[in-house]
Amino acid sequence: MSMIHKYALPPGPGSFRVDLPKGAVILCVQTQGDMPFLWAQFTEGVPPTIYDSRTIHVFGTGRAIRDDVNLRYIGTYQQMGGAFVLHCFDELP
């Protein structure tokens, strides 16, 4: 059986790590209220010692996107009533 969980993300652009159960699939990134969250689906009961530390990169519209790493787009969200539009990527191995 699988489950979906949400993970709070830091606001604004940058790169950061999120520990997800091994084999987790990132479904989307959206805001709830004005805070960004990532939703991931994974198999229920994965032992807490079997986690992958994933690097998430967030870029603002019009900003350069790194091309020295393998990135997979996972979502776009807006903050401050649409004043900031941010685009999220999962760094692949």
C-alpha atoms as a PDB file:
ATOM      1  CA  MET A   1       0.000   0.000   0.000  1.00  0.00           C
ATOM      2  CA  SER A   2       1.268   3.498  -0.741  1.00  0.00           C
ATOM      3  CA  MET A   3       0.795   6.835   0.984  1.00  0.00           C
ATOM      4  CA  ILE A   4       1.100  10.500   0.067  1.00  0.00           C
ATOM      5  CA  HIS A   5       2.834  12.901   2.441  1.00  0.00           C
ATOM      6  CA  LYS A   6       3.629  16.592   2.221  1.00  0.00           C
ATOM      7  CA  TYR A   7       6.917  18.266   3.068  1.00  0.00           C
ATOM      8  CA  ALA A   8       7.387  21.967   3.823  1.00  0.00           C
ATOM      9  CA  LEU A   9       9.850  23.785   1.573  1.00  0.00           C
ATOM     10  CA  PRO A  10      11.801  26.913   2.437  1.00  0.00           C
ATOM     11  CA  PRO A  11      10.326  30.026   0.814  1.00  0.00           C
ATOM     12  CA  GLY A  12      12.138  31.619  -2.099  1.00  0.00           C
ATOM     13  CA  PRO A  13      14.733  30.477  -4.603  1.00  0.00           C
ATOM     14  CA  GLY A  14      17.746  28.320  -3.774  1.00  0.00           C
ATOM     15  CA  SER A  15      18.814  24.708  -3.386  1.00  0.00           C
ATOM     16  CA  PHE A  16      17.993  22.519  -0.402  1.00  0.00           C
ATOM     17  CA  ARG A  17      17.758  18.883   0.705  1.00  0.00           C
ATOM     18  CA  VAL A  18      14.609  16.904   1.479  1.00  0.00           C
ATOM     19  CA  ASP A  19      14.787  13.420   3.023  1.00  0.00           C
ATOM     20  CA  LEU A  20      12.199  11.184   1.334  1.00  0.00           C
ATOM     21  CA  PRO A  21      11.603   7.449   1.791  1.00  0.00           C
ATOM     22  CA  LYS A  22      13.588   5.382  -0.718  1.00  0.00           C
ATOM     23  CA  GLY A  23      11.656   5.032  -3.974  1.00  0.00           C
ATOM     24  CA  ALA A  24       9.392   8.024  -3.288  1.00  0.00           C
ATOM     25  CA  VAL A  25       7.843   9.682  -6.326  1.00  0.00           C
ATOM     26  CA  ILE A  26       7.489  13.457  -6.184  1.00  0.00           C
ATOM     27  CA  LEU A  27       3.957  14.299  -7.329  1.00  0.00           C
ATOM     28  CA  CYS A  28       3.892  18.092  -7.266  1.00  0.00           C
ATOM     29  CA  VAL A  29       4.907  21.323  -5.597  1.00  0.00           C
ATOM     30  CA  GLN A  30       2.246  23.893  -4.696  1.00  0.00           C
ATOM     31  CA  THR A  31       1.479  26.471  -2.065  1.00  0.00           C
ATOM     32  CA  GLN A  32      -0.914  25.909   0.786  1.00  0.00           C
ATOM     33  CA  GLY A  33      -1.757  29.298   2.195  1.00  0.00           C
ATOM     34  CA  ASP A  34       1.361  31.186   1.102  1.00  0.00           C
ATOM     35  CA  MET A  35       3.833  28.442   2.057  1.00  0.00           C
ATOM     36  CA  PRO A  36       5.367  26.046  -0.509  1.00  0.00           C
ATOM     37  CA  PHE A  37       5.007  22.292  -0.025  1.00  0.00           C
ATOM     38  CA  LEU A  38       6.137  19.194  -1.907  1.00  0.00           C
ATOM     39  CA  TRP A  39       3.875  16.123  -2.098  1.00  0.00           C
ATOM     40  CA  ALA A  40       5.421  12.675  -2.558  1.00  0.00           C
ATOM     41  CA  GLN A  41       3.994   9.160  -2.842  1.00  0.00           C
ATOM     42  CA  PHE A  42       5.817   6.176  -1.361  1.00  0.00           C
ATOM     43  CA  THR A  43       5.290   2.661  -0.073  1.00  0.00           C
ATOM     44  CA  GLU A  44       3.875   2.572   3.437  1.00  0.00           C
ATOM     45  CA  GLY A  45       6.166   1.161   6.103  1.00  0.00           C
ATOM     46  CA  VAL A  46       9.545   2.046   4.590  1.00  0.00           C
ATOM     47  CA  PRO A  47      11.953   1.812   7.539  1.00  0.00           C
ATOM     48  CA  PRO A  48      13.193   5.246   8.664  1.00  0.00           C
ATOM     49  CA  THR A  49      16.783   4.197   7.936  1.00  0.00           C
ATOM     50  CA  ILE A  50      16.050   3.770   4.214  1.00  0.00           C
ATOM     51  CA  TYR A  51      15.757   7.347   3.023  1.00  0.00           C
ATOM     52  CA  ASP A  52      17.095   9.261   0.041  1.00  0.00           C
ATOM     53  CA  SER A  53      18.306  12.798   0.583  1.00  0.00           C
ATOM     54  CA  ARG A  54      17.025  14.617  -2.517  1.00  0.00           C
ATOM     55  CA  THR A  55      18.270  18.002  -3.697  1.00  0.00           C
ATOM     56  CA  ILE A  56      15.524  20.381  -4.807  1.00  0.00           C
ATOM     57  CA  HIS A  57      16.442  23.473  -6.839  1.00  0.00           C
ATOM     58  CA  VAL A  58      14.083  26.468  -6.990  1.00  0.00           C
ATOM     59  CA  PHE A  59      14.523  29.172  -9.646  1.00  0.00           C
ATOM     60  CA  GLY A  60      12.618  32.398 -10.140  1.00  0.00           C
ATOM     61  CA  THR A  61      11.148  33.265 -13.534  1.00  0.00           C
ATOM     62  CA  GLY A  62      13.777  34.893 -15.737  1.00  0.00           C
ATOM     63  CA  ARG A  63      16.680  33.470 -13.731  1.00  0.00           C
ATOM     64  CA  ALA A  64      19.399  31.180 -15.099  1.00  0.00           C
ATOM     65  CA  ILE A  65      18.858  27.444 -14.598  1.00  0.00           C
ATOM     66  CA  ARG A  66      21.907  25.321 -13.882  1.00  0.00           C
ATOM     67  CA  ASP A  67      22.909  23.103 -16.773  1.00  0.00           C
ATOM     68  CA  ASP A  68      25.722  21.272 -14.975  1.00  0.00           C
ATOM     69  CA  VAL A  69      23.310  18.916 -13.176  1.00  0.00           C
ATOM     70  CA  ASN A  70      20.546  16.578 -14.345  1.00  0.00           C
ATOM     71  CA  LEU A  71      17.257  18.232 -13.322  1.00  0.00           C
ATOM     72  CA  ARG A  72      13.636  17.042 -13.587  1.00  0.00           C
ATOM     73  CA  TYR A  73      10.882  19.649 -13.443  1.00  0.00           C
ATOM     74  CA  ILE A  74       8.438  19.002 -10.579  1.00  0.00           C
ATOM     75  CA  GLY A  75       6.293  22.114 -10.415  1.00  0.00           C
ATOM     76  CA  THR A  76       5.702  25.852 -10.362  1.00  0.00           C
ATOM     77  CA  TYR A  77       4.156  27.850  -7.548  1.00  0.00           C
ATOM     78  CA  GLN A  78       3.354  31.485  -6.844  1.00  0.00           C
ATOM     79  CA  GLN A  79       3.842  33.520  -3.703  1.00  0.00           C
ATOM     80  CA  MET A  80       2.685  36.940  -2.512  1.00  0.00           C
ATOM     81  CA  GLY A  81      -0.403  36.964  -4.719  1.00  0.00           C
ATOM     82  CA  GLY A  82       1.567  36.033  -7.835  1.00  0.00           C
ATOM     83  CA  ALA A  83       4.323  38.627  -7.386  1.00  0.00           C
ATOM     84  CA  PHE A  84       6.857  35.779  -7.249  1.00  0.00           C
ATOM     85  CA  VAL A  85       6.676  32.761  -9.562  1.00  0.00           C
ATOM     86  CA  LEU A  86       9.101  29.972  -8.681  1.00  0.00           C
ATOM     87  CA  HIS A  87       9.944  26.781 -10.603  1.00  0.00           C
ATOM     88  CA  CYS A  88      11.105  23.593  -8.842  1.00  0.00           C
ATOM     89  CA  PHE A  89      13.393  20.834 -10.076  1.00  0.00           C
ATOM     90  CA  ASP A  90      14.503  17.538  -8.531  1.00  0.00           C
ATOM     91  CA  GLU A  91      18.206  16.792  -9.041  1.00  0.00           C
ATOM     92  CA  LEU A  92      18.595  13.319 -10.556  1.00  0.00           C
ATOM     93  CA  PRO A  93      21.667  11.116 -10.079  1.00  0.00           C
END
